[in-house]
């Protein structure tokens, strides 16, 4: 038996299609229902489906009247506010290409993204970092556009470009991942294959609006279903989330594993409406899954995906109990394999997790990098860069990354990007970066540097803060005599924690 999951294909996406129109379809059916509540201990900001759709299409009209055209790119430099998803869907409604970015990025990091994507404008909230080189549209203009006559959805080929997101590659340079309108259609396979999501659910996601996990799982998918999305307001701490889950009668909770770990330190919990939790972004440790079950009486269902293809392996309500190292099963409608050099390997043999090129959730490709795109394929299979093993029951056991990309709280971070930033320090001769486990289920980024003398840790932290987003910054700096290398002088990053230090 070979490591191949090949179920009946998911129904094809309509040929005249628009991602935003698909997300907002329920607005005509349940216009008065609450689509979004931004919640805090002091209250909530609520948006009905009718208000949400009107605001999005009014904002779309505003973009067009401001001089943006179909096909233009719009870089989003917006924090954790409702303007983010409104602008995102408004742009897609009329064929403008939104480019979400992390609010934590610094000016130099943003400039790299601008150079890669050549946006026609930047939507800016007045708070996040942004260079002066591109036309600015301020988010405070959006509220003036919400009441404008609604724009008309731009329907077309579902394979055309809808949005661009960024991921860290092994080269150390962020890659611009191009996704088609059909990407939202593919997420329909998650509804029962992971979420167990229905129109009556109230789903709370603990992430920021501008994180693709929160944007998809926390907003777009509940809206597509006609459910209610609950998002903690900016500044809400993890310890306050159980109160908000109870007060707003959340039935499903979604977060990265690190958030679950933090919340578990603030028990006890009383969550009578909660049916289950969802986890993605990094491998869910069994200790966290078991701790959540003991504290709340509810299961956490895990999913595996990536920037290039949204989650396609998962456990779900009603699925059998899985082993701690298991990611779950390929979702019905997917084609997934575990590959060796010559194709799918025998069941029980480790290999590279791969998804078929025909999956509607798979990216179009990397922007202006056709060779990089081709290199990610082995025949008809897209190589994820993660190792796994398919069992006889078709679930996937996880064996880690095939490269050195780190995972910092659910964000993939290239060590090369961090190393390049730190090498700009005048006293650092060489540097190697990896992530290390500081306690069970908790990892941090650590930098090991070669220098003539010890460098003050505070000054190194300040230096990194000027050049790297918070989640990319090392939490530990260690001076070493030399970096561990193999016979070909390749840096052995995973050997760094055991290497002799000064």
Protein backbone atom coordinates (compact mmCIF):
# COMPACT_ATOMS: atom_id res chain seq x y z
CA UNK A 1 0.00 0.00 0.00
CA UNK A 2 1.42 3.41 -0.98
CA UNK A 3 1.10 6.71 0.91
CA UNK A 4 -1.63 8.27 -1.22
CA UNK A 5 -5.00 9.78 -0.29
CA UNK A 6 -7.14 10.30 -3.38
CA UNK A 7 -10.77 10.97 -2.55
CA UNK A 8 -13.58 12.07 -4.83
CA UNK A 9 -12.77 15.58 -6.10
CA UNK A 10 -14.43 18.60 -4.55
CA UNK A 11 -17.08 20.24 -6.76
CA UNK A 12 -15.47 22.70 -9.19
CA UNK A 13 -15.51 26.43 -8.54
CA UNK A 14 -18.04 28.40 -10.63
CA UNK A 15 -16.48 29.89 -13.75
CA UNK A 16 -17.82 33.37 -13.02
CA UNK A 17 -16.55 33.95 -9.50
CA UNK A 18 -15.49 36.61 -7.03
CA UNK A 19 -13.94 35.76 -3.64
CA UNK A 20 -15.59 38.66 -1.80
CA UNK A 21 -19.02 37.96 -3.28
CA UNK A 22 -18.73 34.36 -2.13
CA UNK A 23 -17.81 35.46 1.42
CA UNK A 24 -20.70 37.94 1.58
CA UNK A 25 -23.37 35.72 0.04
CA UNK A 26 -25.11 35.24 3.41
CA UNK A 27 -25.66 39.00 3.79
CA UNK A 28 -28.71 38.85 1.53
CA UNK A 29 -30.14 35.88 3.45
CA UNK A 30 -29.55 37.08 7.03
CA UNK A 31 -28.97 40.86 6.73
CA UNK A 32 -29.79 41.66 10.35
CA UNK A 33 -27.70 38.89 11.91
CA UNK A 34 -24.45 39.89 13.67
CA UNK A 35 -21.58 39.04 11.35
CA UNK A 36 -18.78 40.45 13.49
CA UNK A 37 -18.32 41.44 17.11
CA UNK A 38 -15.01 42.97 18.21
CA UNK A 39 -15.11 42.12 21.89
CA UNK A 40 -13.47 43.48 25.03
CA UNK A 41 -14.22 43.21 28.76
CA UNK A 42 -15.82 46.65 28.53
CA UNK A 43 -18.16 45.86 25.65
CA UNK A 44 -18.34 44.98 21.96
CA UNK A 45 -18.42 46.66 18.58
CA UNK A 46 -21.01 44.83 16.47
CA UNK A 47 -21.52 44.71 12.71
CA UNK A 48 -24.57 43.16 11.06
CA UNK A 49 -24.22 41.35 7.74
CA UNK A 50 -26.07 44.19 6.00
CA UNK A 51 -23.75 46.81 7.48
CA UNK A 52 -20.69 44.73 6.68
CA UNK A 53 -21.64 44.27 3.02
CA UNK A 54 -22.61 47.93 2.56
CA UNK A 55 -19.37 49.12 4.16
CA UNK A 56 -17.25 46.81 2.04
CA UNK A 57 -18.89 47.73 -1.26
CA UNK A 58 -18.98 51.43 -0.31
CA UNK A 59 -15.28 51.24 0.48
CA UNK A 60 -14.73 49.55 -2.89
CA UNK A 61 -16.37 52.53 -4.57
CA UNK A 62 -14.10 54.80 -2.54
CA UNK A 63 -10.99 52.99 -3.76
CA UNK A 64 -12.09 53.39 -7.37
CA UNK A 65 -12.98 57.07 -6.92
CA UNK A 66 -9.58 57.59 -5.28
CA UNK A 67 -7.95 56.53 -8.53
CA UNK A 68 -7.16 52.86 -7.92
CA UNK A 69 -7.91 50.58 -10.86
CA UNK A 70 -8.60 46.92 -11.40
CA UNK A 71 -5.30 45.05 -11.20
CA UNK A 72 -3.60 47.65 -8.98
CA UNK A 73 -1.91 46.38 -5.84
CA UNK A 74 -2.74 47.81 -2.42
CA UNK A 75 -0.34 47.16 0.47
CA UNK A 76 -2.20 46.97 3.79
CA UNK A 77 -0.34 48.53 6.73
CA UNK A 78 -3.19 48.28 9.22
CA UNK A 79 -3.25 46.99 12.79
CA UNK A 80 -5.82 44.80 14.51
CA UNK A 81 -8.87 46.87 13.60
CA UNK A 82 -12.01 46.20 11.60
CA UNK A 83 -10.74 48.42 8.78
CA UNK A 84 -8.41 45.59 7.82
CA UNK A 85 -10.97 42.97 6.68
CA UNK A 86 -13.26 45.66 5.25
CA UNK A 87 -10.46 47.04 3.07
CA UNK A 88 -9.26 43.55 2.15
CA UNK A 89 -12.65 42.43 0.85
CA UNK A 90 -13.42 45.84 -0.69
CA UNK A 91 -10.30 45.63 -2.82
CA UNK A 92 -11.02 42.07 -3.95
CA UNK A 93 -14.63 43.01 -4.76
CA UNK A 94 -13.50 45.23 -7.63
CA UNK A 95 -10.35 43.45 -8.75
CA UNK A 96 -7.80 45.44 -6.76
CA UNK A 97 -5.11 43.15 -5.29
CA UNK A 98 -4.72 43.53 -1.50
CA UNK A 99 -1.39 42.63 0.09
CA UNK A 100 -1.80 41.94 3.83
CA UNK A 101 1.30 42.52 5.98
CA UNK A 102 2.12 42.09 9.65
CA UNK A 103 1.67 45.28 11.68
CA UNK A 104 4.94 44.43 13.47
CA UNK A 105 7.19 44.97 10.45
CA UNK A 106 9.81 47.73 10.52
CA UNK A 107 10.42 50.36 7.83
CA UNK A 108 13.27 48.40 6.19
CA UNK A 109 11.19 45.22 6.15
CA UNK A 110 8.23 47.00 4.58
CA UNK A 111 10.49 48.55 1.93
CA UNK A 112 11.60 45.05 0.88
CA UNK A 113 7.95 44.10 0.31
CA UNK A 114 7.31 47.30 -1.63
CA UNK A 115 10.28 46.61 -3.89
CA UNK A 116 8.94 43.11 -4.55
CA UNK A 117 5.31 44.00 -5.27
CA UNK A 118 5.31 47.60 -6.58
CA UNK A 119 1.98 48.59 -4.98
CA UNK A 120 0.02 51.51 -6.40
CA UNK A 121 -0.77 52.68 -2.86
CA UNK A 122 -0.44 51.82 0.83
CA UNK A 123 -3.46 51.75 3.12
CA UNK A 124 -2.02 53.10 6.36
CA UNK A 125 -3.48 53.41 9.84
CA UNK A 126 -1.08 56.17 10.93
CA UNK A 127 0.57 53.86 13.48
CA UNK A 128 2.37 51.02 11.72
CA UNK A 129 5.77 51.45 10.10
CA UNK A 130 5.78 52.47 6.45
CA UNK A 131 8.31 54.13 4.12
CA UNK A 132 7.56 57.38 2.31
CA UNK A 133 8.06 56.03 -1.21
CA UNK A 134 4.46 55.12 -2.13
CA UNK A 135 1.16 56.99 -2.19
CA UNK A 136 -0.72 56.75 1.12
CA UNK A 137 -4.43 56.23 1.70
CA UNK A 138 -5.33 56.67 5.36
CA UNK A 139 -7.73 54.29 7.08
CA UNK A 140 -9.64 57.21 8.59
CA UNK A 141 -10.93 57.88 5.06
CA UNK A 142 -12.66 54.50 4.95
CA UNK A 143 -15.51 55.45 7.30
CA UNK A 144 -16.35 58.28 4.90
CA UNK A 145 -16.67 55.75 2.08
CA UNK A 146 -18.88 53.20 3.85
CA UNK A 147 -22.03 55.06 2.83
CA UNK A 148 -21.10 55.50 -0.84
CA UNK A 149 -23.16 53.75 -3.51
CA UNK A 150 -22.11 50.09 -3.49
CA UNK A 151 -19.66 48.94 -6.12
CA UNK A 152 -20.50 46.04 -8.40
CA UNK A 153 -18.65 42.77 -7.81
CA UNK A 154 -16.03 42.04 -10.46
CA UNK A 155 -16.77 38.46 -11.54
CA UNK A 156 -14.38 36.47 -13.68
CA UNK A 157 -12.09 33.45 -14.02
CA UNK A 158 -11.69 31.83 -10.56
CA UNK A 159 -8.01 31.21 -11.39
CA UNK A 160 -7.17 34.92 -11.67
CA UNK A 161 -5.12 36.69 -8.99
CA UNK A 162 -7.10 37.80 -5.91
CA UNK A 163 -4.51 38.64 -3.24
CA UNK A 164 -0.84 38.32 -2.29
CA UNK A 165 0.57 37.21 1.05
CA UNK A 166 4.15 36.75 2.23
CA UNK A 167 5.99 33.77 3.59
CA UNK A 168 9.60 33.31 4.70
CA UNK A 169 11.53 31.00 2.40
CA UNK A 170 14.77 29.17 2.99
CA UNK A 171 16.61 31.85 0.98
CA UNK A 172 16.08 34.38 3.77
CA UNK A 173 14.09 36.67 1.49
CA UNK A 174 10.30 36.85 1.93
CA UNK A 175 8.36 35.27 -0.92
CA UNK A 176 5.25 36.87 -2.35
CA UNK A 177 2.63 34.11 -2.61
CA UNK A 178 -0.07 34.76 -5.23
CA UNK A 179 -3.51 33.29 -4.54
CA UNK A 180 -6.49 33.03 -6.84
CA UNK A 181 -10.15 33.80 -6.15
CA UNK A 182 -10.74 30.03 -6.02
CA UNK A 183 -8.79 29.87 -2.74
CA UNK A 184 -11.94 30.71 -0.79
CA UNK A 185 -13.87 27.98 -2.60
CA UNK A 186 -11.30 25.40 -1.48
CA UNK A 187 -11.89 26.37 2.13
CA UNK A 188 -15.28 24.71 1.87
CA UNK A 189 -13.46 21.41 2.40
CA UNK A 190 -12.53 22.60 5.90
CA UNK A 191 -16.09 23.22 7.06
CA UNK A 192 -16.70 19.59 8.03
CA UNK A 193 -13.15 18.32 7.46
CA UNK A 194 -11.88 20.49 10.33
CA UNK A 195 -14.27 23.09 11.74
CA UNK A 196 -17.61 21.35 12.17
CA UNK A 197 -18.86 24.89 11.43
CA UNK A 198 -22.55 25.75 10.99
CA UNK A 199 -24.58 28.91 10.55
CA UNK A 200 -25.56 28.85 14.22
CA UNK A 201 -21.96 28.94 15.49
CA UNK A 202 -20.17 31.83 17.16
CA UNK A 203 -16.47 31.42 16.40
CA UNK A 204 -13.82 33.35 18.32
CA UNK A 205 -10.27 33.60 16.95
CA UNK A 206 -7.55 34.94 19.25
CA UNK A 207 -5.27 36.18 16.45
CA UNK A 208 -4.95 39.62 14.89
CA UNK A 209 -7.07 40.49 11.84
CA UNK A 210 -4.01 40.71 9.61
CA UNK A 211 -2.70 37.20 10.30
CA UNK A 212 -3.82 34.91 7.47
CA UNK A 213 -4.89 32.21 9.95
CA UNK A 214 -7.17 34.66 11.77
CA UNK A 215 -8.36 36.28 8.54
CA UNK A 216 -9.46 32.97 7.05
CA UNK A 217 -10.55 30.87 10.02
CA UNK A 218 -11.68 33.77 12.19
CA UNK A 219 -13.54 35.92 9.64
CA UNK A 220 -13.93 34.75 6.05
CA UNK A 221 -15.05 31.21 6.82
CA UNK A 222 -17.67 32.14 9.44
CA UNK A 223 -19.04 34.79 7.07
CA UNK A 224 -19.14 32.33 4.18
CA UNK A 225 -21.20 30.03 6.41
CA UNK A 226 -23.44 32.78 7.80
CA UNK A 227 -22.05 32.32 11.33
CA UNK A 228 -20.89 35.04 13.76
CA UNK A 229 -17.20 35.94 14.05
CA UNK A 230 -15.88 37.09 17.42
CA UNK A 231 -12.48 38.81 17.55
CA UNK A 232 -10.84 40.11 20.76
CA UNK A 233 -10.18 43.84 20.54
CA UNK A 234 -6.66 45.17 20.27
CA UNK A 235 -5.00 45.05 23.69
CA UNK A 236 -7.03 42.16 25.10
CA UNK A 237 -4.69 39.77 26.94
CA UNK A 238 -4.78 36.00 26.81
CA UNK A 239 -5.91 35.81 30.43
CA UNK A 240 -9.09 37.73 29.49
CA UNK A 241 -10.12 35.40 26.68
CA UNK A 242 -11.97 32.82 28.85
CA UNK A 243 -14.18 35.62 30.17
CA UNK A 244 -14.94 36.76 26.63
CA UNK A 245 -15.61 33.22 25.44
CA UNK A 246 -18.23 32.81 28.17
CA UNK A 247 -19.73 36.30 27.97
CA UNK A 248 -20.20 36.14 24.20
CA UNK A 249 -21.30 32.49 24.16
CA UNK A 250 -18.58 31.30 21.80
CA UNK A 251 -19.21 27.81 20.48
CA UNK A 252 -15.83 27.36 18.71
CA UNK A 253 -12.46 28.82 19.70
CA UNK A 254 -9.46 29.06 17.35
CA UNK A 255 -5.88 29.99 18.23
CA UNK A 256 -2.25 28.99 17.81
CA UNK A 257 -0.88 26.42 20.30
CA UNK A 258 1.05 29.10 22.20
CA UNK A 259 -2.17 30.98 22.94
CA UNK A 260 -3.77 27.84 24.38
CA UNK A 261 -0.68 27.36 26.55
CA UNK A 262 -0.93 30.91 27.95
CA UNK A 263 -4.66 30.66 28.56
CA UNK A 264 -4.26 27.43 30.49
CA UNK A 265 -2.25 29.28 33.14
CA UNK A 266 -5.28 31.47 33.98
CA UNK A 267 -7.95 28.82 34.82
CA UNK A 268 -10.35 27.64 36.11
CA UNK A 269 -12.82 27.92 33.20
CA UNK A 270 -16.57 27.95 32.87
CA UNK A 271 -17.42 27.71 29.16
CA UNK A 272 -20.86 26.10 28.90
CA UNK A 273 -21.43 26.99 25.22
CA UNK A 274 -18.03 25.97 23.88
CA UNK A 275 -18.18 22.84 21.68
CA UNK A 276 -14.51 22.55 20.70
CA UNK A 277 -11.30 24.37 19.83
CA UNK A 278 -9.22 24.66 16.64
CA UNK A 279 -5.46 24.89 16.38
CA UNK A 280 -3.07 25.68 13.49
CA UNK A 281 0.12 27.59 12.82
CA UNK A 282 2.47 25.01 14.35
CA UNK A 283 2.31 21.45 15.67
CA UNK A 284 -0.05 21.15 18.65
CA UNK A 285 1.75 19.49 21.59
CA UNK A 286 -0.19 16.67 23.21
CA UNK A 287 0.30 18.31 26.61
CA UNK A 288 -1.67 21.36 25.49
CA UNK A 289 -4.43 19.29 23.89
CA UNK A 290 -4.75 17.19 27.06
CA UNK A 291 -4.55 20.25 29.32
CA UNK A 292 -7.33 22.00 27.41
CA UNK A 293 -9.55 18.91 27.56
CA UNK A 294 -9.01 18.61 31.31
CA UNK A 295 -9.69 22.32 31.92
CA UNK A 296 -12.71 22.80 29.62
CA UNK A 297 -14.06 19.36 28.79
CA UNK A 298 -13.68 20.12 25.07
CA UNK A 299 -11.36 18.79 22.38
CA UNK A 300 -8.93 20.81 20.27
CA UNK A 301 -8.83 19.80 16.59
CA UNK A 302 -5.58 20.45 14.77
CA UNK A 303 -4.95 21.36 11.13
CA UNK A 304 -1.89 21.51 8.90
CA UNK A 305 -1.41 23.98 6.08
CA UNK A 306 0.92 26.69 4.85
CA UNK A 307 0.95 30.08 3.18
CA UNK A 308 1.04 28.41 -0.24
CA UNK A 309 -2.00 26.24 0.50
CA UNK A 310 -4.50 26.67 3.30
CA UNK A 311 -5.04 23.82 5.73
CA UNK A 312 -5.68 20.49 4.02
CA UNK A 313 -4.88 17.91 6.73
CA UNK A 314 -6.88 17.98 9.98
CA UNK A 315 -8.81 16.19 12.65
CA UNK A 316 -12.45 17.12 13.12
CA UNK A 317 -15.46 16.59 15.37
CA UNK A 318 -16.48 12.95 15.09
CA UNK A 319 -13.08 11.76 13.88
CA UNK A 320 -11.27 8.93 15.72
CA UNK A 321 -8.79 9.66 18.50
CA UNK A 322 -5.36 10.40 17.04
CA UNK A 323 -1.83 9.76 18.24
CA UNK A 324 0.03 12.79 19.72
CA UNK A 325 2.30 13.05 16.68
CA UNK A 326 -0.58 12.87 14.18
CA UNK A 327 -1.85 15.88 12.24
CA UNK A 328 -5.12 14.18 11.35
CA UNK A 329 -6.43 13.09 7.94
CA UNK A 330 -6.44 14.69 4.48
CA UNK A 331 -9.75 16.48 4.17
CA UNK A 332 -12.38 14.89 1.89
CA UNK A 333 -11.92 16.30 -1.60
CA UNK A 334 -8.11 16.55 -1.31
CA UNK A 335 -5.34 14.57 -2.99
CA UNK A 336 -2.40 14.17 -0.62
CA UNK A 337 0.70 11.98 -0.76
CA UNK A 338 3.90 11.26 1.15
CA UNK A 339 6.70 11.40 -1.41
CA UNK A 340 10.19 10.02 -1.76
CA UNK A 341 12.52 10.64 -4.69
CA UNK A 342 10.47 8.37 -6.96
CA UNK A 343 6.92 9.23 -5.96
CA UNK A 344 4.64 8.05 -3.14
CA UNK A 345 6.45 5.92 -0.56
CA UNK A 346 5.02 2.78 1.08
CA UNK A 347 2.66 3.34 4.00
CA UNK A 348 4.63 3.69 7.24
CA UNK A 349 7.63 5.25 5.48
CA UNK A 350 8.60 8.89 6.19
CA UNK A 351 8.71 11.30 3.26
CA UNK A 352 7.71 14.79 2.17
CA UNK A 353 4.08 15.82 2.63
CA UNK A 354 2.71 16.86 -0.78
CA UNK A 355 -0.59 18.08 -2.21
CA UNK A 356 -1.73 17.73 -5.82
CA UNK A 357 -1.31 20.70 -8.14
CA UNK A 358 -5.05 20.66 -8.96
CA UNK A 359 -6.08 21.52 -5.40
CA UNK A 360 -8.12 24.76 -5.65
CA UNK A 361 -6.50 26.08 -2.49
CA UNK A 362 -2.98 25.89 -3.90
CA UNK A 363 -1.26 29.14 -4.83
CA UNK A 364 -0.91 30.38 -8.40
CA UNK A 365 2.81 30.73 -7.73
CA UNK A 366 5.46 33.05 -6.29
CA UNK A 367 5.27 36.57 -7.72
CA UNK A 368 7.79 37.04 -10.56
CA UNK A 369 9.61 33.84 -9.51
CA UNK A 370 8.64 31.14 -12.01
CA UNK A 371 11.78 29.08 -11.37
CA UNK A 372 11.19 29.15 -7.61
CA UNK A 373 7.61 28.06 -8.23
CA UNK A 374 8.60 25.16 -10.50
CA UNK A 375 11.20 24.02 -7.96
CA UNK A 376 8.45 23.37 -5.40
CA UNK A 377 6.88 20.66 -7.57
CA UNK A 378 7.73 17.02 -8.12
CA UNK A 379 5.67 16.10 -11.14
CA UNK A 380 2.05 16.87 -10.26
CA UNK A 381 2.79 17.23 -6.55
CA UNK A 382 3.53 20.42 -4.60
CA UNK A 383 6.19 19.77 -1.97
CA UNK A 384 5.33 21.36 1.38
CA UNK A 385 8.83 21.11 2.86
CA UNK A 386 7.43 19.17 5.84
CA UNK A 387 8.13 15.53 6.61
CA UNK A 388 5.36 13.11 7.42
CA UNK A 389 4.32 9.46 7.47
CA UNK A 390 0.97 8.05 6.37
CA UNK A 391 -0.47 5.23 8.46
CA UNK A 392 -2.70 2.41 7.23
CA UNK A 393 -5.62 4.48 8.53
CA UNK A 394 -4.52 7.35 6.22
CA UNK A 395 -3.77 9.80 9.03
CA UNK A 396 -0.49 11.72 8.80
CA UNK A 397 2.21 11.53 11.48
CA UNK A 398 4.37 14.68 11.59
CA UNK A 399 8.18 14.47 11.45
CA UNK A 400 9.14 18.16 11.27
CA UNK A 401 10.57 20.52 8.67
CA UNK A 402 12.90 19.48 5.87
CA UNK A 403 14.69 22.83 6.15
CA UNK A 404 15.75 25.19 8.92
CA UNK A 405 12.74 27.51 8.89
CA UNK A 406 11.76 28.35 12.46
CA UNK A 407 8.33 28.63 13.99
CA UNK A 408 7.88 31.56 16.37
CA UNK A 409 4.42 31.47 17.93
CA UNK A 410 2.83 30.25 14.72
CA UNK A 411 4.79 32.57 12.40
CA UNK A 412 7.27 30.93 10.04
CA UNK A 413 10.59 32.78 10.23
CA UNK A 414 13.64 32.20 8.06
CA UNK A 415 16.89 32.10 10.07
CA UNK A 416 18.67 33.61 7.07
CA UNK A 417 16.53 36.74 7.30
CA UNK A 418 17.34 37.17 11.00
CA UNK A 419 21.02 36.41 10.43
CA UNK A 420 21.25 38.98 7.63
CA UNK A 421 19.80 41.65 9.90
CA UNK A 422 22.18 40.85 12.77
CA UNK A 423 25.26 40.73 10.53
CA UNK A 424 24.80 44.46 9.97
CA UNK A 425 26.02 44.94 13.57
CA UNK A 426 29.58 46.31 13.36
CA UNK A 427 30.94 44.00 16.09
CA UNK A 428 29.42 40.71 14.88
CA UNK A 429 31.66 38.66 12.58
CA UNK A 430 29.41 35.63 12.13
CA UNK A 431 26.00 34.64 13.41
CA UNK A 432 23.77 31.56 13.36
CA UNK A 433 20.12 31.53 14.36
CA UNK A 434 17.79 28.70 15.34
CA UNK A 435 14.77 28.10 17.58
CA UNK A 436 15.24 26.27 20.86
CA UNK A 437 12.93 24.73 23.43
CA UNK A 438 13.14 26.60 26.75
CA UNK A 439 10.51 24.52 28.49
CA UNK A 440 8.01 21.88 27.38
CA UNK A 441 5.98 23.16 24.42
CA UNK A 442 7.66 26.61 24.38
CA UNK A 443 10.26 27.68 21.81
CA UNK A 444 12.18 30.92 21.28
CA UNK A 445 14.54 32.24 18.61
CA UNK A 446 18.19 32.17 19.73
CA UNK A 447 21.17 33.84 18.05
CA UNK A 448 24.75 32.54 18.40
CA UNK A 449 27.37 35.07 17.35
CA UNK A 450 31.12 35.31 16.86
CA UNK A 451 32.68 38.57 18.09
CA UNK A 452 35.94 39.77 19.60
CA UNK A 453 34.25 40.59 22.90
CA UNK A 454 30.91 40.01 24.62
CA UNK A 455 28.23 42.43 23.35
CA UNK A 456 25.74 43.86 25.81
CA UNK A 457 22.43 42.01 25.47
CA UNK A 458 20.34 45.18 25.78
CA UNK A 459 22.18 46.79 22.89
CA UNK A 460 21.70 43.66 20.78
CA UNK A 461 17.99 43.63 21.57
CA UNK A 462 17.72 47.29 20.58
CA UNK A 463 19.68 46.65 17.38
CA UNK A 464 17.37 43.77 16.41
CA UNK A 465 14.25 45.79 17.25
CA UNK A 466 15.24 48.43 14.70
CA UNK A 467 15.46 45.87 11.90
CA UNK A 468 13.11 43.01 12.67
CA UNK A 469 9.47 42.54 13.60
CA UNK A 470 8.95 41.54 17.21
CA UNK A 471 8.19 37.90 16.37
CA UNK A 472 11.45 37.63 14.39
CA UNK A 473 13.68 39.04 17.13
CA UNK A 474 15.93 36.62 19.07
CA UNK A 475 15.12 36.27 22.76
CA UNK A 476 18.57 34.86 23.52
CA UNK A 477 22.02 36.01 22.37
CA UNK A 478 25.04 33.78 23.02
CA UNK A 479 28.67 34.41 22.07
CA UNK A 480 30.50 31.38 20.65
CA UNK A 481 34.08 30.72 19.57
CA UNK A 482 32.97 29.56 16.11
CA UNK A 483 29.84 28.32 14.35
CA UNK A 484 29.36 24.57 13.80
CA UNK A 485 29.83 23.66 10.13
CA UNK A 486 30.04 20.47 8.09
CA UNK A 487 32.80 19.40 5.73
CA UNK A 488 31.37 21.62 3.00
CA UNK A 489 31.37 24.61 5.38
CA UNK A 490 27.57 24.59 5.60
CA UNK A 491 26.24 26.03 8.85
CA UNK A 492 24.68 23.35 11.06
CA UNK A 493 21.96 25.40 12.73
CA UNK A 494 20.45 22.53 14.68
CA UNK A 495 23.85 21.93 16.32
CA UNK A 496 24.06 25.49 17.62
CA UNK A 497 22.50 24.85 21.08
CA UNK A 498 25.06 22.10 21.82
CA UNK A 499 28.05 24.05 20.46
CA UNK A 500 30.71 25.26 22.95
CA UNK A 501 30.12 28.82 24.16
CA UNK A 502 32.43 31.42 25.68
